[in-house]
């Protein structure tokens, strides 16, 4: 049974029509600020894009609006796994936005490879996923295995005072009271892991709206 917009428990705030937001205009604008920060420097027109950890699909649909030729959303934890969300928001937004050509696949991060997703993609988005993984380097490796040009990784960061690559383990609810948050890498760790996976150039910046507790990394082949 299809849920109404009011019945869906939304995570992303998406403008479905002029003035119609799934959460609020202010929340949508916050996501737009992050979108511009992370995606303005990447040419998406005519590209293929995979959005890992899509949830309600804000960044999936943003990639399509920016001219991507093929877009695929991927999730499992938030669509049919242990998370509190569901795929209802994604399906609802895709229909309302008239983006029925956006593909979707229910798959765990550890299962990602060129065969399981059907191909490789020019651009891979890996936003808000890494710190939820029990095996973050493996997850990053799986995402990188299907990326031919550019990967954008957004994550919680920790141990910012350390110059050597390091990652903090959260065995309980140390990070934001959420037991699904497992790791907080520092910036040198993220740069080193991405370069180890074959990306020749990695730039980074703090993620808007999160002070210095989160950062995004743009890795290019």
C-alpha atoms as a PDB file:
ATOM      1  CA  UNK A   1       0.000   0.000   0.000  1.00  0.00           C
ATOM      2  CA  UNK A   2       1.451   3.365  -1.040  1.00  0.00           C
ATOM      3  CA  UNK A   3       2.044   5.785   1.836  1.00  0.00           C
ATOM      4  CA  UNK A   4       1.157   9.463   1.686  1.00  0.00           C
ATOM      5  CA  UNK A   5       3.820  12.136   2.114  1.00  0.00           C
ATOM      6  CA  UNK A   6       2.645  12.760   5.699  1.00  0.00           C
ATOM      7  CA  UNK A   7       2.799   9.060   6.602  1.00  0.00           C
ATOM      8  CA  UNK A   8       6.406   8.616   5.501  1.00  0.00           C
ATOM      9  CA  UNK A   9       9.153   9.091   8.079  1.00  0.00           C
ATOM     10  CA  UNK A  10      11.511  11.293   6.080  1.00  0.00           C
ATOM     11  CA  UNK A  11      15.236  11.658   6.612  1.00  0.00           C
ATOM     12  CA  UNK A  12      16.051  13.927   3.651  1.00  0.00           C
ATOM     13  CA  UNK A  13      14.217  17.154   3.009  1.00  0.00           C
ATOM     14  CA  UNK A  14      13.384  17.249  -0.703  1.00  0.00           C
ATOM     15  CA  UNK A  15      11.431  19.902  -2.598  1.00  0.00           C
ATOM     16  CA  UNK A  16       8.890  17.794  -4.487  1.00  0.00           C
ATOM     17  CA  UNK A  17       7.254  20.795  -6.158  1.00  0.00           C
ATOM     18  CA  UNK A  18       7.690  24.566  -5.771  1.00  0.00           C
ATOM     19  CA  UNK A  19       7.219  25.248  -2.048  1.00  0.00           C
ATOM     20  CA  UNK A  20       6.409  21.605  -1.195  1.00  0.00           C
ATOM     21  CA  UNK A  21       9.126  20.093   1.023  1.00  0.00           C
ATOM     22  CA  UNK A  22       9.209  16.661   2.631  1.00  0.00           C
ATOM     23  CA  UNK A  23      10.527  18.203   5.869  1.00  0.00           C
ATOM     24  CA  UNK A  24      10.907  21.979   5.594  1.00  0.00           C
ATOM     25  CA  UNK A  25      12.306  24.703   3.349  1.00  0.00           C
ATOM     26  CA  UNK A  26      15.107  25.377   5.834  1.00  0.00           C
ATOM     27  CA  UNK A  27      16.113  21.702   5.970  1.00  0.00           C
ATOM     28  CA  UNK A  28      16.110  21.514   2.170  1.00  0.00           C
ATOM     29  CA  UNK A  29      18.341  24.575   1.969  1.00  0.00           C
ATOM     30  CA  UNK A  30      20.832  22.978   4.373  1.00  0.00           C
ATOM     31  CA  UNK A  31      21.085  19.989   2.062  1.00  0.00           C
ATOM     32  CA  UNK A  32      21.473  22.278  -0.938  1.00  0.00           C
ATOM     33  CA  UNK A  33      24.414  23.987   0.752  1.00  0.00           C
ATOM     34  CA  UNK A  34      26.096  20.590   1.242  1.00  0.00           C
ATOM     35  CA  UNK A  35      25.218  19.570  -2.300  1.00  0.00           C
ATOM     36  CA  UNK A  36      26.866  22.666  -3.747  1.00  0.00           C
ATOM     37  CA  UNK A  37      29.962  22.181  -1.597  1.00  0.00           C
ATOM     38  CA  UNK A  38      30.435  18.546  -2.596  1.00  0.00           C
ATOM     39  CA  UNK A  39      29.211  18.484  -6.193  1.00  0.00           C
ATOM     40  CA  UNK A  40      29.809  21.897  -7.774  1.00  0.00           C
ATOM     41  CA  UNK A  41      33.390  20.958  -8.613  1.00  0.00           C
ATOM     42  CA  UNK A  42      32.403  17.755 -10.418  1.00  0.00           C
ATOM     43  CA  UNK A  43      31.084  17.591 -13.978  1.00  0.00           C
ATOM     44  CA  UNK A  44      28.053  15.309 -13.850  1.00  0.00           C
ATOM     45  CA  UNK A  45      26.481  16.123 -17.211  1.00  0.00           C
ATOM     46  CA  UNK A  46      26.322  12.988 -19.335  1.00  0.00           C
ATOM     47  CA  UNK A  47      27.972  10.885 -16.604  1.00  0.00           C
ATOM     48  CA  UNK A  48      26.876   7.716 -14.845  1.00  0.00           C
ATOM     49  CA  UNK A  49      26.434   8.100 -11.077  1.00  0.00           C
ATOM     50  CA  UNK A  50      26.004   5.568  -8.256  1.00  0.00           C
ATOM     51  CA  UNK A  51      24.687   6.929  -4.942  1.00  0.00           C
ATOM     52  CA  UNK A  52      25.602   4.470  -2.166  1.00  0.00           C
ATOM     53  CA  UNK A  53      23.501   4.856   0.974  1.00  0.00           C
ATOM     54  CA  UNK A  54      20.847   6.821  -0.898  1.00  0.00           C
ATOM     55  CA  UNK A  55      18.020   6.556   1.677  1.00  0.00           C
ATOM     56  CA  UNK A  56      15.337   9.068   0.569  1.00  0.00           C
ATOM     57  CA  UNK A  57      17.490   9.957  -2.427  1.00  0.00           C
ATOM     58  CA  UNK A  58      18.250  13.655  -2.075  1.00  0.00           C
ATOM     59  CA  UNK A  59      21.708  13.308  -3.638  1.00  0.00           C
ATOM     60  CA  UNK A  60      20.486  10.729  -6.143  1.00  0.00           C
ATOM     61  CA  UNK A  61      17.951  13.170  -7.539  1.00  0.00           C
ATOM     62  CA  UNK A  62      20.446  16.045  -7.286  1.00  0.00           C
ATOM     63  CA  UNK A  63      22.791  14.121  -9.599  1.00  0.00           C
ATOM     64  CA  UNK A  64      19.971  13.640 -12.089  1.00  0.00           C
ATOM     65  CA  UNK A  65      19.064  17.333 -11.971  1.00  0.00           C
ATOM     66  CA  UNK A  66      22.698  18.152 -12.636  1.00  0.00           C
ATOM     67  CA  UNK A  67      22.538  16.316 -15.938  1.00  0.00           C
ATOM     68  CA  UNK A  68      23.786  12.824 -15.154  1.00  0.00           C
ATOM     69  CA  UNK A  69      22.808  10.451 -17.939  1.00  0.00           C
ATOM     70  CA  UNK A  70      22.412   7.373 -15.754  1.00  0.00           C
ATOM     71  CA  UNK A  71      21.799   7.397 -12.002  1.00  0.00           C
ATOM     72  CA  UNK A  72      21.465   4.439  -9.663  1.00  0.00           C
ATOM     73  CA  UNK A  73      20.538   4.615  -5.975  1.00  0.00           C
ATOM     74  CA  UNK A  74      21.804   1.880  -3.676  1.00  0.00           C
ATOM     75  CA  UNK A  75      20.862   1.132  -0.089  1.00  0.00           C
ATOM     76  CA  UNK A  76      19.985  -1.741   2.189  1.00  0.00           C
ATOM     77  CA  UNK A  77      20.351  -0.692   5.805  1.00  0.00           C
ATOM     78  CA  UNK A  78      17.806   2.125   5.444  1.00  0.00           C
ATOM     79  CA  UNK A  79      15.524   0.419   2.921  1.00  0.00           C
ATOM     80  CA  UNK A  80      15.121  -3.090   4.258  1.00  0.00           C
ATOM     81  CA  UNK A  81      17.814  -3.621   6.877  1.00  0.00           C
ATOM     82  CA  UNK A  82      18.206  -2.704  10.522  1.00  0.00           C
ATOM     83  CA  UNK A  83      17.699   1.049  10.160  1.00  0.00           C
ATOM     84  CA  UNK A  84      14.532   2.885  11.155  1.00  0.00           C
ATOM     85  CA  UNK A  85      13.887   4.165   7.647  1.00  0.00           C
ATOM     86  CA  UNK A  86      12.320   2.549   4.618  1.00  0.00           C
ATOM     87  CA  UNK A  87      12.334   2.871   0.839  1.00  0.00           C
ATOM     88  CA  UNK A  88       8.931   4.584   0.863  1.00  0.00           C
ATOM     89  CA  UNK A  89      10.426   8.082   0.764  1.00  0.00           C
ATOM     90  CA  UNK A  90      12.674   7.284  -2.176  1.00  0.00           C
ATOM     91  CA  UNK A  91       9.862   5.711  -4.191  1.00  0.00           C
ATOM     92  CA  UNK A  92       7.495   8.565  -3.386  1.00  0.00           C
ATOM     93  CA  UNK A  93      10.010  11.287  -4.289  1.00  0.00           C
ATOM     94  CA  UNK A  94      11.078   9.572  -7.508  1.00  0.00           C
ATOM     95  CA  UNK A  95       7.478   9.481  -8.708  1.00  0.00           C
ATOM     96  CA  UNK A  96       6.669  13.048  -7.678  1.00  0.00           C
ATOM     97  CA  UNK A  97       9.843  14.387  -9.279  1.00  0.00           C
ATOM     98  CA  UNK A  98       9.146  12.540 -12.516  1.00  0.00           C
ATOM     99  CA  UNK A  99      12.487  10.759 -12.394  1.00  0.00           C
ATOM    100  CA  UNK A 100      11.293   7.235 -13.081  1.00  0.00           C
ATOM    101  CA  UNK A 101      14.445   6.522 -15.095  1.00  0.00           C
ATOM    102  CA  UNK A 102      16.510   6.691 -11.887  1.00  0.00           C
ATOM    103  CA  UNK A 103      17.457   3.099 -11.058  1.00  0.00           C
ATOM    104  CA  UNK A 104      17.632   1.490  -7.640  1.00  0.00           C
ATOM    105  CA  UNK A 105      19.175  -1.613  -6.123  1.00  0.00           C
ATOM    106  CA  UNK A 106      18.873  -3.070  -2.616  1.00  0.00           C
ATOM    107  CA  UNK A 107      22.362  -4.252  -1.753  1.00  0.00           C
ATOM    108  CA  UNK A 108      24.691  -4.201   1.225  1.00  0.00           C
ATOM    109  CA  UNK A 109      27.898  -2.218   0.854  1.00  0.00           C
ATOM    110  CA  UNK A 110      30.040  -5.324   1.286  1.00  0.00           C
ATOM    111  CA  UNK A 111      28.280  -6.932  -1.697  1.00  0.00           C
ATOM    112  CA  UNK A 112      29.130  -4.146  -4.125  1.00  0.00           C
ATOM    113  CA  UNK A 113      31.217  -5.083  -7.151  1.00  0.00           C
ATOM    114  CA  UNK A 114      30.938  -4.490 -10.910  1.00  0.00           C
ATOM    115  CA  UNK A 115      28.949  -7.709 -11.340  1.00  0.00           C
ATOM    116  CA  UNK A 116      26.449  -7.109  -8.537  1.00  0.00           C
ATOM    117  CA  UNK A 117      25.605  -3.567  -9.677  1.00  0.00           C
ATOM    118  CA  UNK A 118      25.895  -4.407 -13.351  1.00  0.00           C
ATOM    119  CA  UNK A 119      28.683  -2.041 -14.380  1.00  0.00           C
ATOM    120  CA  UNK A 120      31.143   0.589 -13.231  1.00  0.00           C
ATOM    121  CA  UNK A 121      30.191   4.246 -12.795  1.00  0.00           C
ATOM    122  CA  UNK A 122      31.954   7.479 -13.661  1.00  0.00           C
ATOM    123  CA  UNK A 123      31.068   9.030 -10.313  1.00  0.00           C
ATOM    124  CA  UNK A 124      30.340   7.296  -6.998  1.00  0.00           C
ATOM    125  CA  UNK A 125      28.766   9.093  -4.033  1.00  0.00           C
ATOM    126  CA  UNK A 126      29.541   7.535  -0.637  1.00  0.00           C
ATOM    127  CA  UNK A 127      27.936  10.018   1.709  1.00  0.00           C
ATOM    128  CA  UNK A 128      27.211   9.387   5.384  1.00  0.00           C
ATOM    129  CA  UNK A 129      28.035   5.686   5.134  1.00  0.00           C
ATOM    130  CA  UNK A 130      31.643   4.975   6.086  1.00  0.00           C
ATOM    131  CA  UNK A 131      31.382   5.547   9.837  1.00  0.00           C
ATOM    132  CA  UNK A 132      28.393   3.178  10.023  1.00  0.00           C
ATOM    133  CA  UNK A 133      30.424   0.242   8.696  1.00  0.00           C
ATOM    134  CA  UNK A 134      32.049  -2.335  10.943  1.00  0.00           C
ATOM    135  CA  UNK A 135      34.683  -2.796   8.237  1.00  0.00           C
ATOM    136  CA  UNK A 136      35.216   0.692   6.803  1.00  0.00           C
ATOM    137  CA  UNK A 137      38.254  -0.004   4.607  1.00  0.00           C
ATOM    138  CA  UNK A 138      36.468  -2.978   3.040  1.00  0.00           C
ATOM    139  CA  UNK A 139      33.410  -0.801   2.376  1.00  0.00           C
ATOM    140  CA  UNK A 140      35.554   1.910   0.843  1.00  0.00           C
ATOM    141  CA  UNK A 141      37.278  -0.707  -1.307  1.00  0.00           C
ATOM    142  CA  UNK A 142      33.926  -2.051  -2.517  1.00  0.00           C
ATOM    143  CA  UNK A 143      32.764   1.451  -3.447  1.00  0.00           C
ATOM    144  CA  UNK A 144      36.039   2.201  -5.224  1.00  0.00           C
ATOM    145  CA  UNK A 145      35.798  -1.034  -7.219  1.00  0.00           C
ATOM    146  CA  UNK A 146      32.883   0.381  -9.233  1.00  0.00           C
ATOM    147  CA  UNK A 147      34.269   3.913  -9.682  1.00  0.00           C
ATOM    148  CA  UNK A 148      36.133   4.853 -12.873  1.00  0.00           C
ATOM    149  CA  UNK A 149      36.672   8.599 -12.366  1.00  0.00           C
ATOM    150  CA  UNK A 150      35.615  10.377  -9.171  1.00  0.00           C
ATOM    151  CA  UNK A 151      34.383   9.292  -5.749  1.00  0.00           C
ATOM    152  CA  UNK A 152      32.968  11.657  -3.129  1.00  0.00           C
ATOM    153  CA  UNK A 153      33.127  10.411   0.457  1.00  0.00           C
ATOM    154  CA  UNK A 154      31.460  12.258   3.328  1.00  0.00           C
ATOM    155  CA  UNK A 155      32.035  10.992   6.843  1.00  0.00           C
ATOM    156  CA  UNK A 156      32.316  11.759  10.515  1.00  0.00           C
ATOM    157  CA  UNK A 157      35.943  12.501  11.432  1.00  0.00           C
ATOM    158  CA  UNK A 158      37.838  12.251  14.714  1.00  0.00           C
ATOM    159  CA  UNK A 159      41.382  12.425  16.094  1.00  0.00           C
ATOM    160  CA  UNK A 160      41.859  15.672  14.231  1.00  0.00           C
ATOM    161  CA  UNK A 161      44.937  16.561  16.299  1.00  0.00           C
ATOM    162  CA  UNK A 162      46.898  13.577  14.949  1.00  0.00           C
ATOM    163  CA  UNK A 163      49.097  13.911  11.874  1.00  0.00           C
ATOM    164  CA  UNK A 164      49.472  10.180  11.338  1.00  0.00           C
ATOM    165  CA  UNK A 165      46.588   8.214   9.764  1.00  0.00           C
ATOM    166  CA  UNK A 166      44.345   7.016  12.591  1.00  0.00           C
ATOM    167  CA  UNK A 167      40.784   5.926  13.206  1.00  0.00           C
ATOM    168  CA  UNK A 168      38.791   5.996  16.447  1.00  0.00           C
ATOM    169  CA  UNK A 169      36.591   3.006  17.315  1.00  0.00           C
ATOM    170  CA  UNK A 170      33.239   3.587  19.027  1.00  0.00           C
ATOM    171  CA  UNK A 171      32.188   0.339  20.755  1.00  0.00           C
ATOM    172  CA  UNK A 172      28.965   1.824  22.124  1.00  0.00           C
ATOM    173  CA  UNK A 173      27.056   5.056  21.607  1.00  0.00           C
ATOM    174  CA  UNK A 174      30.013   7.418  21.897  1.00  0.00           C
ATOM    175  CA  UNK A 175      29.256   9.177  18.616  1.00  0.00           C
ATOM    176  CA  UNK A 176      25.979  11.095  18.838  1.00  0.00           C
ATOM    177  CA  UNK A 177      24.376   8.434  21.021  1.00  0.00           C
ATOM    178  CA  UNK A 178      23.992   6.168  17.988  1.00  0.00           C
ATOM    179  CA  UNK A 179      25.121   2.522  18.341  1.00  0.00           C
ATOM    180  CA  UNK A 180      25.353   2.192  14.547  1.00  0.00           C
ATOM    181  CA  UNK A 181      28.265   4.660  14.460  1.00  0.00           C
ATOM    182  CA  UNK A 182      31.424   2.561  14.610  1.00  0.00           C
ATOM    183  CA  UNK A 183      34.414   4.555  13.357  1.00  0.00           C
ATOM    184  CA  UNK A 184      35.784   8.079  13.164  1.00  0.00           C
ATOM    185  CA  UNK A 185      38.795   8.336  10.826  1.00  0.00           C
ATOM    186  CA  UNK A 186      40.991  11.399  10.783  1.00  0.00           C
ATOM    187  CA  UNK A 187      41.769  13.332   7.606  1.00  0.00           C
ATOM    188  CA  UNK A 188      45.215  11.759   6.997  1.00  0.00           C
ATOM    189  CA  UNK A 189      43.603   8.322   7.349  1.00  0.00           C
ATOM    190  CA  UNK A 190      40.936   9.078   4.760  1.00  0.00           C
ATOM    191  CA  UNK A 191      43.447  10.531   2.304  1.00  0.00           C
ATOM    192  CA  UNK A 192      45.771   7.562   2.768  1.00  0.00           C
ATOM    193  CA  UNK A 193      43.002   4.977   2.304  1.00  0.00           C
ATOM    194  CA  UNK A 194      41.710   6.643  -0.844  1.00  0.00           C
ATOM    195  CA  UNK A 195      45.176   6.881  -2.349  1.00  0.00           C
ATOM    196  CA  UNK A 196      45.819   3.247  -1.439  1.00  0.00           C
ATOM    197  CA  UNK A 197      42.712   2.375  -3.462  1.00  0.00           C
ATOM    198  CA  UNK A 198      44.127   3.971  -6.583  1.00  0.00           C
ATOM    199  CA  UNK A 199      42.944   7.567  -6.465  1.00  0.00           C
ATOM    200  CA  UNK A 200      45.797   9.838  -7.509  1.00  0.00           C
ATOM    201  CA  UNK A 201      44.371  13.121  -6.239  1.00  0.00           C
ATOM    202  CA  UNK A 202      42.355  13.636  -3.056  1.00  0.00           C
ATOM    203  CA  UNK A 203      41.038  16.981  -1.828  1.00  0.00           C
ATOM    204  CA  UNK A 204      38.907  17.614   1.231  1.00  0.00           C
ATOM    205  CA  UNK A 205      37.023  20.196   3.250  1.00  0.00           C
ATOM    206  CA  UNK A 206      34.766  20.412   6.264  1.00  0.00           C
ATOM    207  CA  UNK A 207      31.158  19.526   5.571  1.00  0.00           C
ATOM    208  CA  UNK A 208      28.932  22.617   5.868  1.00  0.00           C
ATOM    209  CA  UNK A 209      26.640  22.591   8.876  1.00  0.00           C
ATOM    210  CA  UNK A 210      28.644  20.139  10.975  1.00  0.00           C
ATOM    211  CA  UNK A 211      31.358  22.441  12.371  1.00  0.00           C
ATOM    212  CA  UNK A 212      34.504  20.301  12.235  1.00  0.00           C
ATOM    213  CA  UNK A 213      33.006  16.931  13.132  1.00  0.00           C
ATOM    214  CA  UNK A 214      32.442  15.856   9.520  1.00  0.00           C
ATOM    215  CA  UNK A 215      34.364  16.247   6.293  1.00  0.00           C
ATOM    216  CA  UNK A 216      34.023  15.357   2.631  1.00  0.00           C
ATOM    217  CA  UNK A 217      36.708  14.050   0.312  1.00  0.00           C
ATOM    218  CA  UNK A 218      36.797  14.256  -3.479  1.00  0.00           C
ATOM    219  CA  UNK A 219      38.998  11.474  -4.848  1.00  0.00           C
ATOM    220  CA  UNK A 220      39.965  11.364  -8.519  1.00  0.00           C
ATOM    221  CA  UNK A 221      41.632   8.591 -10.513  1.00  0.00           C
END
